[in-house]
Amino acid sequence: MVRKSFGFICLTALFAACGHESQRNSAPNETSRQAGGPVTANISGLTPPMQSALAKYAAGFALFAPREYAANQGSDTISRVNADFNGDGSEDAAVYGHDATRELLLILLSDSTGAYKVYPLSENKLEPFPNGVGISLRVHPPGPLEIPETLREANTPRSLKYAALDVGFGQEAGEMYYWDGSKFVKVVTGD
């Protein structure tokens, strides 16, 4: 009797642990079926209006998973950041990932109605990454924009009015996208 009870307890504990592990691993980028549409990633940190705009623009969009990143990226594998990129007081999001055919860098920008519009910053044919993904996203806060003078162009602002998206390519190369009131403008920040 004791042996059967012990076996039952062990089996129950193992089942509970496996169920918990499965939930934990699927939470950040869970897949769900949209009504009448293709499978779309449910990305942690995106509001339902953001998810809706993203699903309309890129059905089946998914973030690149940390395991897909290059080994030299270390822990710098951020493929979603949230900030107020246009200064309207609502949180926006930048995402880097893919749908079935494209590698995408997108900003989901809020408008005055509470809806979100997708601004594609980069769209490329989805190709294999033999050495792993090498792009990581960060937020540059409003305020002084300190970049090397050799990279500063005539129209590059000295200060940012709103938060900007910093895109890192490996260790030193990078670019930034800031909102100028009507569009996102790219600035090279490293080479």
N, C-alpha and C. Protein backbone atom coordinates (compact mmCIF):
# COMPACT_ATOMS: atom_id res chain seq x y z
N MET A 1 0.82 -1.20 0.00
CA MET A 1 0.00 0.00 0.00
C MET A 1 0.87 1.26 0.00
N VAL A 2 1.91 1.26 0.84
CA VAL A 2 2.80 2.41 0.93
C VAL A 2 3.50 2.64 -0.40
N ARG A 3 3.95 1.53 -1.05
CA ARG A 3 4.64 1.62 -2.32
C ARG A 3 3.72 2.21 -3.39
N LYS A 4 2.44 1.79 -3.44
CA LYS A 4 1.48 2.33 -4.41
C LYS A 4 1.23 3.81 -4.15
N SER A 5 1.08 4.19 -2.89
CA SER A 5 0.84 5.60 -2.55
C SER A 5 2.03 6.46 -2.93
N PHE A 6 3.24 5.96 -2.63
CA PHE A 6 4.45 6.71 -2.97
C PHE A 6 4.56 6.87 -4.49
N GLY A 7 4.27 5.81 -5.23
CA GLY A 7 4.31 5.87 -6.69
C GLY A 7 3.29 6.86 -7.22
N PHE A 8 2.09 6.87 -6.65
CA PHE A 8 1.05 7.81 -7.07
C PHE A 8 1.47 9.25 -6.80
N ILE A 9 2.06 9.49 -5.62
CA ILE A 9 2.52 10.83 -5.26
C ILE A 9 3.61 11.29 -6.22
N CYS A 10 4.58 10.42 -6.51
CA CYS A 10 5.66 10.77 -7.45
C CYS A 10 5.11 11.07 -8.84
N LEU A 11 4.19 10.22 -9.30
CA LEU A 11 3.59 10.42 -10.62
C LEU A 11 2.82 11.73 -10.66
N THR A 12 2.06 12.04 -9.61
CA THR A 12 1.30 13.29 -9.54
C THR A 12 2.24 14.49 -9.55
N ALA A 13 3.32 14.43 -8.77
CA ALA A 13 4.29 15.53 -8.72
C ALA A 13 4.95 15.73 -10.07
N LEU A 14 5.33 14.63 -10.74
CA LEU A 14 5.94 14.72 -12.05
C LEU A 14 4.99 15.33 -13.06
N PHE A 15 3.73 14.91 -13.05
CA PHE A 15 2.73 15.46 -13.96
C PHE A 15 2.54 16.95 -13.72
N ALA A 16 2.46 17.36 -12.46
CA ALA A 16 2.27 18.78 -12.13
C ALA A 16 3.47 19.58 -12.58
N ALA A 17 4.68 19.05 -12.38
CA ALA A 17 5.89 19.77 -12.78
C ALA A 17 5.95 19.92 -14.29
N CYS A 18 5.62 18.87 -15.03
CA CYS A 18 5.63 18.96 -16.50
C CYS A 18 4.59 19.94 -17.00
N GLY A 19 3.41 19.93 -16.41
CA GLY A 19 2.37 20.87 -16.80
C GLY A 19 2.78 22.29 -16.54
N HIS A 20 3.43 22.53 -15.37
CA HIS A 20 3.89 23.87 -15.03
C HIS A 20 4.98 24.33 -16.00
N GLU A 21 5.92 23.42 -16.33
CA GLU A 21 6.99 23.76 -17.25
C GLU A 21 6.43 24.11 -18.62
N SER A 22 5.45 23.36 -19.11
CA SER A 22 4.85 23.63 -20.40
C SER A 22 4.19 25.00 -20.43
N GLN A 23 3.48 25.35 -19.36
CA GLN A 23 2.84 26.67 -19.31
C GLN A 23 3.87 27.77 -19.32
N ARG A 24 4.96 27.59 -18.55
CA ARG A 24 5.96 28.63 -18.43
C ARG A 24 6.65 28.87 -19.77
N ASN A 25 6.94 27.80 -20.52
CA ASN A 25 7.63 27.96 -21.78
C ASN A 25 6.75 28.53 -22.88
N SER A 26 5.44 28.39 -22.80
CA SER A 26 4.59 28.87 -23.88
C SER A 26 4.04 30.26 -23.65
N ALA A 27 4.16 30.80 -22.46
CA ALA A 27 3.52 32.07 -22.14
C ALA A 27 4.04 33.26 -22.94
N PRO A 28 5.36 33.46 -23.11
CA PRO A 28 5.80 34.69 -23.76
C PRO A 28 5.39 34.84 -25.21
N ASN A 29 5.27 33.79 -25.97
CA ASN A 29 4.99 33.91 -27.39
C ASN A 29 4.04 32.81 -27.82
N GLU A 30 2.91 32.75 -27.16
CA GLU A 30 1.92 31.71 -27.36
C GLU A 30 1.22 31.88 -28.71
N THR A 31 0.86 30.78 -29.35
CA THR A 31 0.18 30.84 -30.64
C THR A 31 -1.32 30.66 -30.43
N SER A 32 -2.11 31.46 -31.11
CA SER A 32 -3.56 31.33 -31.01
C SER A 32 -4.19 31.53 -32.39
N ARG A 33 -5.35 30.94 -32.61
CA ARG A 33 -6.03 31.08 -33.89
C ARG A 33 -6.98 32.25 -33.81
N GLN A 34 -6.80 33.22 -34.70
CA GLN A 34 -7.70 34.35 -34.80
C GLN A 34 -8.97 33.89 -35.52
N ALA A 35 -10.12 34.41 -35.14
CA ALA A 35 -11.38 34.03 -35.77
C ALA A 35 -11.31 34.30 -37.26
N GLY A 36 -11.47 33.26 -38.06
CA GLY A 36 -11.51 33.40 -39.51
C GLY A 36 -10.17 33.74 -40.13
N GLY A 37 -9.06 33.59 -39.40
CA GLY A 37 -7.77 33.97 -39.97
C GLY A 37 -6.71 32.94 -39.67
N PRO A 38 -5.49 33.22 -40.12
CA PRO A 38 -4.39 32.29 -39.91
C PRO A 38 -3.88 32.35 -38.47
N VAL A 39 -3.00 31.43 -38.15
CA VAL A 39 -2.41 31.38 -36.82
C VAL A 39 -1.53 32.62 -36.63
N THR A 40 -1.70 33.30 -35.51
CA THR A 40 -0.95 34.51 -35.20
C THR A 40 -0.36 34.38 -33.81
N ALA A 41 0.85 34.88 -33.62
CA ALA A 41 1.49 34.81 -32.31
C ALA A 41 0.81 35.77 -31.34
N ASN A 42 0.59 35.33 -30.12
CA ASN A 42 0.08 36.18 -29.06
C ASN A 42 1.30 36.63 -28.27
N ILE A 43 1.79 37.82 -28.54
CA ILE A 43 3.07 38.27 -28.01
C ILE A 43 2.88 38.98 -26.68
N SER A 44 3.58 38.50 -25.68
CA SER A 44 3.54 39.09 -24.35
C SER A 44 3.97 40.56 -24.44
N GLY A 45 3.26 41.44 -23.73
CA GLY A 45 3.61 42.86 -23.72
C GLY A 45 2.88 43.69 -24.75
N LEU A 46 2.09 43.05 -25.61
CA LEU A 46 1.30 43.79 -26.59
C LEU A 46 -0.16 43.78 -26.16
N THR A 47 -0.80 44.95 -26.22
CA THR A 47 -2.21 45.07 -25.88
C THR A 47 -3.07 44.46 -26.99
N PRO A 48 -4.34 44.15 -26.71
CA PRO A 48 -5.21 43.62 -27.77
C PRO A 48 -5.27 44.53 -29.02
N PRO A 49 -5.36 45.87 -28.90
CA PRO A 49 -5.34 46.69 -30.12
C PRO A 49 -4.02 46.56 -30.89
N MET A 50 -2.90 46.42 -30.18
CA MET A 50 -1.60 46.22 -30.86
C MET A 50 -1.61 44.88 -31.58
N GLN A 51 -2.09 43.83 -30.88
CA GLN A 51 -2.16 42.49 -31.48
C GLN A 51 -3.01 42.51 -32.75
N SER A 52 -4.13 43.22 -32.69
CA SER A 52 -5.04 43.29 -33.83
C SER A 52 -4.36 43.95 -35.03
N ALA A 53 -3.69 45.07 -34.81
CA ALA A 53 -3.00 45.77 -35.90
C ALA A 53 -1.90 44.89 -36.49
N LEU A 54 -1.17 44.21 -35.63
CA LEU A 54 -0.10 43.34 -36.08
C LEU A 54 -0.64 42.17 -36.90
N ALA A 55 -1.74 41.56 -36.44
CA ALA A 55 -2.34 40.43 -37.15
C ALA A 55 -2.84 40.84 -38.54
N LYS A 56 -3.37 42.07 -38.65
CA LYS A 56 -3.85 42.54 -39.95
C LYS A 56 -2.68 42.80 -40.90
N TYR A 57 -1.57 43.27 -40.36
CA TYR A 57 -0.43 43.61 -41.21
C TYR A 57 0.39 42.38 -41.59
N ALA A 58 0.62 41.50 -40.61
CA ALA A 58 1.50 40.35 -40.83
C ALA A 58 0.92 39.12 -40.13
N ALA A 59 -0.04 38.49 -40.77
CA ALA A 59 -0.65 37.29 -40.20
C ALA A 59 0.43 36.25 -39.94
N GLY A 60 0.37 35.64 -38.78
CA GLY A 60 1.36 34.62 -38.42
C GLY A 60 2.66 35.20 -37.90
N PHE A 61 2.71 36.50 -37.61
CA PHE A 61 3.93 37.12 -37.10
C PHE A 61 4.36 36.46 -35.79
N ALA A 62 5.66 36.25 -35.65
CA ALA A 62 6.23 35.73 -34.40
C ALA A 62 7.57 36.41 -34.17
N LEU A 63 7.89 36.65 -32.92
CA LEU A 63 9.19 37.19 -32.56
C LEU A 63 10.25 36.11 -32.78
N PHE A 64 11.48 36.53 -33.05
CA PHE A 64 12.57 35.56 -33.06
C PHE A 64 12.79 35.10 -31.63
N ALA A 65 12.91 33.81 -31.43
CA ALA A 65 13.10 33.24 -30.10
C ALA A 65 14.57 33.42 -29.68
N PRO A 66 14.84 33.53 -28.38
CA PRO A 66 16.23 33.66 -27.92
C PRO A 66 17.16 32.58 -28.47
N ARG A 67 16.67 31.37 -28.65
CA ARG A 67 17.52 30.28 -29.16
C ARG A 67 17.93 30.51 -30.62
N GLU A 68 17.24 31.41 -31.34
CA GLU A 68 17.57 31.68 -32.74
C GLU A 68 18.66 32.74 -32.89
N TYR A 69 19.05 33.37 -31.79
CA TYR A 69 20.05 34.43 -31.84
C TYR A 69 21.46 33.87 -31.92
N ALA A 70 22.38 34.66 -32.47
CA ALA A 70 23.78 34.29 -32.57
C ALA A 70 24.36 34.11 -31.16
N ALA A 71 25.30 33.20 -31.05
CA ALA A 71 25.91 32.91 -29.74
C ALA A 71 26.58 34.15 -29.14
N ASN A 72 27.16 35.02 -29.98
CA ASN A 72 27.86 36.20 -29.46
C ASN A 72 26.92 37.31 -29.00
N GLN A 73 25.61 37.12 -29.16
CA GLN A 73 24.65 38.11 -28.68
C GLN A 73 24.53 38.06 -27.16
N GLY A 74 24.91 36.93 -26.57
CA GLY A 74 24.80 36.78 -25.12
C GLY A 74 23.35 36.91 -24.69
N SER A 75 23.10 37.76 -23.70
CA SER A 75 21.73 37.93 -23.22
C SER A 75 21.02 39.07 -23.94
N ASP A 76 21.67 39.66 -24.94
CA ASP A 76 21.10 40.80 -25.66
C ASP A 76 20.22 40.31 -26.82
N THR A 77 19.10 39.67 -26.48
CA THR A 77 18.22 39.08 -27.48
C THR A 77 16.82 39.66 -27.40
N ILE A 78 16.74 40.96 -27.27
CA ILE A 78 15.44 41.61 -27.09
C ILE A 78 14.83 41.88 -28.46
N SER A 79 13.62 41.32 -28.69
CA SER A 79 12.95 41.50 -29.98
C SER A 79 11.61 42.23 -29.84
N ARG A 80 11.32 42.76 -28.64
CA ARG A 80 10.14 43.61 -28.43
C ARG A 80 10.48 44.62 -27.35
N VAL A 81 10.19 45.90 -27.64
CA VAL A 81 10.32 46.95 -26.63
C VAL A 81 9.08 47.83 -26.69
N ASN A 82 8.71 48.39 -25.54
CA ASN A 82 7.56 49.29 -25.47
C ASN A 82 8.03 50.65 -24.99
N ALA A 83 7.49 51.71 -25.60
CA ALA A 83 7.78 53.09 -25.21
C ALA A 83 6.75 53.98 -25.89
N ASP A 84 6.70 55.24 -25.48
CA ASP A 84 5.83 56.21 -26.16
C ASP A 84 6.68 56.88 -27.23
N PHE A 85 6.63 56.34 -28.45
CA PHE A 85 7.47 56.83 -29.54
C PHE A 85 6.98 58.11 -30.19
N ASN A 86 5.69 58.49 -29.98
CA ASN A 86 5.17 59.70 -30.63
C ASN A 86 4.68 60.76 -29.64
N GLY A 87 4.90 60.55 -28.35
CA GLY A 87 4.59 61.57 -27.35
C GLY A 87 3.12 61.82 -27.09
N ASP A 88 2.25 60.85 -27.40
CA ASP A 88 0.81 61.06 -27.18
C ASP A 88 0.34 60.53 -25.83
N GLY A 89 1.27 60.01 -25.02
CA GLY A 89 0.91 59.49 -23.71
C GLY A 89 0.49 58.04 -23.70
N SER A 90 0.42 57.40 -24.88
CA SER A 90 0.06 55.98 -24.97
C SER A 90 1.30 55.17 -25.31
N GLU A 91 1.36 53.99 -24.74
CA GLU A 91 2.51 53.14 -25.00
C GLU A 91 2.42 52.53 -26.40
N ASP A 92 3.53 52.58 -27.11
CA ASP A 92 3.67 51.99 -28.43
C ASP A 92 4.61 50.79 -28.29
N ALA A 93 4.81 50.05 -29.37
CA ALA A 93 5.71 48.90 -29.31
C ALA A 93 6.50 48.78 -30.60
N ALA A 94 7.72 48.30 -30.48
CA ALA A 94 8.55 47.94 -31.63
C ALA A 94 8.79 46.44 -31.52
N VAL A 95 8.68 45.74 -32.64
CA VAL A 95 8.86 44.29 -32.66
C VAL A 95 9.76 43.90 -33.82
N TYR A 96 10.58 42.88 -33.58
CA TYR A 96 11.44 42.32 -34.62
C TYR A 96 11.15 40.83 -34.68
N GLY A 97 10.73 40.36 -35.84
CA GLY A 97 10.39 38.95 -35.99
C GLY A 97 10.13 38.62 -37.45
N HIS A 98 9.17 37.74 -37.65
CA HIS A 98 8.91 37.27 -39.01
C HIS A 98 7.49 36.74 -39.15
N ASP A 99 7.01 36.75 -40.40
CA ASP A 99 5.82 35.98 -40.74
C ASP A 99 6.33 34.82 -41.60
N ALA A 100 5.49 34.22 -42.39
CA ALA A 100 5.90 33.05 -43.16
C ALA A 100 6.96 33.35 -44.22
N THR A 101 7.01 34.59 -44.72
CA THR A 101 7.90 34.89 -45.84
C THR A 101 8.82 36.10 -45.63
N ARG A 102 8.58 36.89 -44.57
CA ARG A 102 9.34 38.13 -44.40
C ARG A 102 9.96 38.25 -43.01
N GLU A 103 11.16 38.84 -42.99
CA GLU A 103 11.80 39.28 -41.75
C GLU A 103 11.34 40.73 -41.57
N LEU A 104 10.80 41.07 -40.39
CA LEU A 104 10.14 42.36 -40.21
C LEU A 104 10.61 43.09 -38.97
N LEU A 105 10.87 44.39 -39.13
CA LEU A 105 11.09 45.30 -38.02
C LEU A 105 9.97 46.32 -38.10
N LEU A 106 9.10 46.33 -37.09
CA LEU A 106 7.87 47.12 -37.14
C LEU A 106 7.69 47.95 -35.88
N ILE A 107 7.05 49.11 -36.02
CA ILE A 107 6.59 49.86 -34.86
C ILE A 107 5.08 49.93 -34.92
N LEU A 108 4.46 49.62 -33.79
CA LEU A 108 3.00 49.71 -33.63
C LEU A 108 2.74 51.01 -32.90
N LEU A 109 2.26 52.01 -33.64
CA LEU A 109 2.13 53.37 -33.12
C LEU A 109 0.67 53.71 -32.85
N SER A 110 0.40 54.23 -31.66
CA SER A 110 -0.96 54.59 -31.26
C SER A 110 -1.42 55.84 -32.00
N ASP A 111 -2.74 55.94 -32.18
CA ASP A 111 -3.30 57.17 -32.73
C ASP A 111 -4.31 57.73 -31.73
N SER A 112 -4.95 58.82 -32.07
CA SER A 112 -5.84 59.52 -31.14
C SER A 112 -7.10 58.72 -30.80
N THR A 113 -7.42 57.67 -31.58
CA THR A 113 -8.62 56.87 -31.31
C THR A 113 -8.34 55.67 -30.40
N GLY A 114 -7.07 55.44 -30.09
CA GLY A 114 -6.69 54.27 -29.30
C GLY A 114 -6.35 53.07 -30.15
N ALA A 115 -6.46 53.21 -31.46
CA ALA A 115 -6.08 52.14 -32.38
C ALA A 115 -4.58 52.25 -32.65
N TYR A 116 -4.04 51.24 -33.31
CA TYR A 116 -2.62 51.23 -33.63
C TYR A 116 -2.41 51.07 -35.12
N LYS A 117 -1.42 51.77 -35.63
CA LYS A 117 -1.03 51.66 -37.03
C LYS A 117 0.36 51.04 -37.08
N VAL A 118 0.59 50.18 -38.05
CA VAL A 118 1.89 49.53 -38.20
C VAL A 118 2.77 50.37 -39.13
N TYR A 119 3.96 50.69 -38.64
CA TYR A 119 4.96 51.40 -39.44
C TYR A 119 6.11 50.42 -39.69
N PRO A 120 6.23 49.92 -40.93
CA PRO A 120 7.34 49.01 -41.22
C PRO A 120 8.65 49.80 -41.36
N LEU A 121 9.64 49.44 -40.57
CA LEU A 121 10.96 50.08 -40.67
C LEU A 121 11.87 49.27 -41.58
N SER A 122 11.65 47.96 -41.62
CA SER A 122 12.45 47.08 -42.47
C SER A 122 11.63 45.85 -42.79
N GLU A 123 11.62 45.50 -44.07
CA GLU A 123 10.96 44.28 -44.56
C GLU A 123 11.89 43.61 -45.54
N ASN A 124 12.30 42.39 -45.22
CA ASN A 124 13.20 41.63 -46.09
C ASN A 124 12.65 40.23 -46.26
N LYS A 125 13.06 39.59 -47.34
CA LYS A 125 12.69 38.19 -47.55
C LYS A 125 13.26 37.38 -46.40
N LEU A 126 12.46 36.49 -45.83
CA LEU A 126 12.91 35.65 -44.73
C LEU A 126 13.90 34.63 -45.27
N GLU A 127 15.11 34.70 -44.78
CA GLU A 127 16.19 33.81 -45.17
C GLU A 127 16.70 33.10 -43.92
N PRO A 128 17.35 31.96 -44.09
CA PRO A 128 17.96 31.31 -42.92
C PRO A 128 19.07 32.19 -42.34
N PHE A 129 19.28 32.11 -41.04
CA PHE A 129 20.37 32.81 -40.36
C PHE A 129 21.40 31.76 -39.97
N PRO A 130 22.37 31.46 -40.86
CA PRO A 130 23.31 30.38 -40.56
C PRO A 130 24.08 30.59 -39.25
N ASN A 131 24.34 31.84 -38.89
CA ASN A 131 25.08 32.14 -37.66
C ASN A 131 24.17 32.67 -36.56
N GLY A 132 22.87 32.64 -36.78
CA GLY A 132 21.92 33.13 -35.80
C GLY A 132 21.55 34.58 -36.03
N VAL A 133 20.45 35.00 -35.43
CA VAL A 133 19.95 36.37 -35.54
C VAL A 133 20.90 37.28 -34.77
N GLY A 134 21.18 38.46 -35.34
CA GLY A 134 22.13 39.37 -34.71
C GLY A 134 21.58 40.74 -34.41
N ILE A 135 20.27 40.92 -34.38
CA ILE A 135 19.66 42.23 -34.14
C ILE A 135 18.99 42.23 -32.77
N SER A 136 19.15 43.33 -32.05
CA SER A 136 18.51 43.48 -30.75
C SER A 136 17.95 44.89 -30.64
N LEU A 137 16.81 45.02 -29.97
CA LEU A 137 16.13 46.31 -29.84
C LEU A 137 16.31 46.89 -28.44
N ARG A 138 16.39 48.22 -28.39
CA ARG A 138 16.45 48.96 -27.13
C ARG A 138 15.71 50.27 -27.32
N VAL A 139 15.38 50.92 -26.22
CA VAL A 139 14.73 52.23 -26.28
C VAL A 139 15.75 53.30 -25.90
N HIS A 140 15.83 54.34 -26.72
CA HIS A 140 16.66 55.51 -26.41
C HIS A 140 15.70 56.54 -25.83
N PRO A 141 15.95 57.00 -24.61
CA PRO A 141 15.01 57.94 -23.98
C PRO A 141 15.04 59.32 -24.64
N PRO A 142 13.99 60.11 -24.44
CA PRO A 142 14.01 61.49 -24.93
C PRO A 142 15.20 62.23 -24.29
N GLY A 143 15.68 63.23 -25.00
CA GLY A 143 16.81 64.00 -24.47
C GLY A 143 17.96 64.02 -25.45
N PRO A 144 19.16 64.35 -24.96
CA PRO A 144 20.32 64.49 -25.84
C PRO A 144 20.59 63.24 -26.67
N LEU A 145 20.93 63.47 -27.93
CA LEU A 145 21.27 62.39 -28.85
C LEU A 145 22.77 62.46 -29.09
N GLU A 146 23.49 61.62 -28.40
CA GLU A 146 24.95 61.63 -28.49
C GLU A 146 25.41 60.51 -29.41
N ILE A 147 25.82 60.89 -30.61
CA ILE A 147 26.39 59.95 -31.57
C ILE A 147 27.66 60.58 -32.12
N PRO A 148 28.57 59.78 -32.66
CA PRO A 148 29.80 60.35 -33.22
C PRO A 148 29.48 61.39 -34.30
N GLU A 149 30.21 62.48 -34.27
CA GLU A 149 30.00 63.56 -35.25
C GLU A 149 30.15 63.07 -36.68
N THR A 150 31.01 62.08 -36.91
CA THR A 150 31.21 61.55 -38.26
C THR A 150 29.95 60.86 -38.79
N LEU A 151 29.05 60.45 -37.90
CA LEU A 151 27.80 59.80 -38.31
C LEU A 151 26.62 60.77 -38.36
N ARG A 152 26.81 61.94 -37.79
CA ARG A 152 25.72 62.92 -37.72
C ARG A 152 25.54 63.59 -39.09
N GLU A 153 24.29 63.55 -39.57
CA GLU A 153 23.95 64.22 -40.83
C GLU A 153 23.39 65.60 -40.53
N ALA A 154 23.22 66.42 -41.54
CA ALA A 154 22.75 67.81 -41.35
C ALA A 154 21.41 67.87 -40.63
N ASN A 155 20.52 66.92 -40.92
CA ASN A 155 19.18 66.96 -40.33
C ASN A 155 19.06 66.12 -39.04
N THR A 156 20.15 65.57 -38.55
CA THR A 156 20.11 64.77 -37.32
C THR A 156 19.91 65.69 -36.12
N PRO A 157 18.89 65.44 -35.33
CA PRO A 157 18.65 66.32 -34.18
C PRO A 157 19.72 66.15 -33.10
N ARG A 158 19.94 67.17 -32.33
CA ARG A 158 20.86 67.11 -31.19
C ARG A 158 20.15 66.52 -29.97
N SER A 159 18.82 66.59 -29.99
CA SER A 159 18.02 66.11 -28.88
C SER A 159 16.75 65.45 -29.42
N LEU A 160 16.30 64.42 -28.72
CA LEU A 160 15.08 63.71 -29.12
C LEU A 160 13.90 64.20 -28.29
N LYS A 161 12.82 64.54 -28.95
CA LYS A 161 11.60 64.99 -28.28
C LYS A 161 10.88 63.82 -27.61
N TYR A 162 10.90 62.65 -28.27
CA TYR A 162 10.23 61.44 -27.78
C TYR A 162 11.25 60.30 -27.70
N ALA A 163 10.85 59.22 -27.06
CA ALA A 163 11.68 58.02 -27.05
C ALA A 163 11.89 57.56 -28.49
N ALA A 164 13.04 56.93 -28.75
CA ALA A 164 13.37 56.44 -30.08
C ALA A 164 13.73 54.96 -29.98
N LEU A 165 13.67 54.28 -31.11
CA LEU A 165 14.04 52.87 -31.18
C LEU A 165 15.50 52.76 -31.57
N ASP A 166 16.28 52.10 -30.73
CA ASP A 166 17.68 51.79 -31.00
C ASP A 166 17.75 50.36 -31.51
N VAL A 167 18.35 50.14 -32.67
CA VAL A 167 18.49 48.80 -33.24
C VAL A 167 19.98 48.48 -33.28
N GLY A 168 20.37 47.47 -32.53
CA GLY A 168 21.78 47.06 -32.51
C GLY A 168 22.01 45.88 -33.43
N PHE A 169 23.11 45.95 -34.16
CA PHE A 169 23.53 44.87 -35.06
C PHE A 169 24.84 44.32 -34.54
N GLY A 170 24.79 43.37 -33.66
CA GLY A 170 26.02 42.83 -33.09
C GLY A 170 26.59 43.77 -32.05
N GLN A 171 27.92 43.88 -32.02
CA GLN A 171 28.58 44.61 -30.95
C GLN A 171 28.64 46.12 -31.13
N GLU A 172 28.84 46.63 -32.35
CA GLU A 172 29.06 48.06 -32.51
C GLU A 172 28.13 48.76 -33.50
N ALA A 173 27.67 48.06 -34.51
CA ALA A 173 26.84 48.69 -35.53
C ALA A 173 25.45 48.96 -34.97
N GLY A 174 24.84 50.04 -35.44
CA GLY A 174 23.50 50.33 -34.98
C GLY A 174 22.85 51.45 -35.76
N GLU A 175 21.54 51.55 -35.57
CA GLU A 175 20.77 52.65 -36.13
C GLU A 175 19.63 52.96 -35.18
N MET A 176 19.09 54.14 -35.33
CA MET A 176 18.01 54.59 -34.46
C MET A 176 16.89 55.12 -35.34
N TYR A 177 15.67 54.94 -34.88
CA TYR A 177 14.50 55.46 -35.57
C TYR A 177 13.76 56.37 -34.60
N TYR A 178 13.55 57.62 -35.01
CA TYR A 178 12.80 58.55 -34.16
C TYR A 178 11.63 59.12 -34.96
N TRP A 179 10.57 59.50 -34.24
CA TRP A 179 9.35 60.05 -34.82
C TRP A 179 9.53 61.56 -34.98
N ASP A 180 9.33 62.06 -36.22
CA ASP A 180 9.47 63.50 -36.46
C ASP A 180 8.13 64.23 -36.50
N GLY A 181 7.07 63.54 -36.14
CA GLY A 181 5.73 64.13 -36.16
C GLY A 181 4.87 63.59 -37.28
N SER A 182 5.51 63.00 -38.32
CA SER A 182 4.73 62.42 -39.41
C SER A 182 5.27 61.08 -39.90
N LYS A 183 6.53 60.80 -39.58
CA LYS A 183 7.15 59.55 -40.03
C LYS A 183 8.34 59.22 -39.13
N PHE A 184 8.83 57.98 -39.26
CA PHE A 184 10.04 57.59 -38.55
C PHE A 184 11.25 57.89 -39.43
N VAL A 185 12.26 58.48 -38.82
CA VAL A 185 13.48 58.87 -39.51
C VAL A 185 14.62 58.01 -38.97
N LYS A 186 15.44 57.47 -39.89
CA LYS A 186 16.55 56.62 -39.51
C LYS A 186 17.83 57.43 -39.36
N VAL A 187 18.58 57.14 -38.29
CA VAL A 187 19.88 57.76 -38.04
C VAL A 187 20.87 56.63 -37.77
N VAL A 188 21.99 56.60 -38.48
CA VAL A 188 23.04 55.61 -38.22
C VAL A 188 23.75 56.04 -36.94
N THR A 189 23.89 55.10 -36.00
CA THR A 189 24.49 55.44 -34.70
C THR A 189 25.80 54.69 -34.44
N GLY A 190 26.15 53.77 -35.29
CA GLY A 190 27.41 53.03 -35.15
C GLY A 190 27.70 52.28 -36.42
N ASP A 191 28.97 51.91 -36.60
CA ASP A 191 29.32 51.15 -37.81
C ASP A 191 30.23 49.99 -37.52
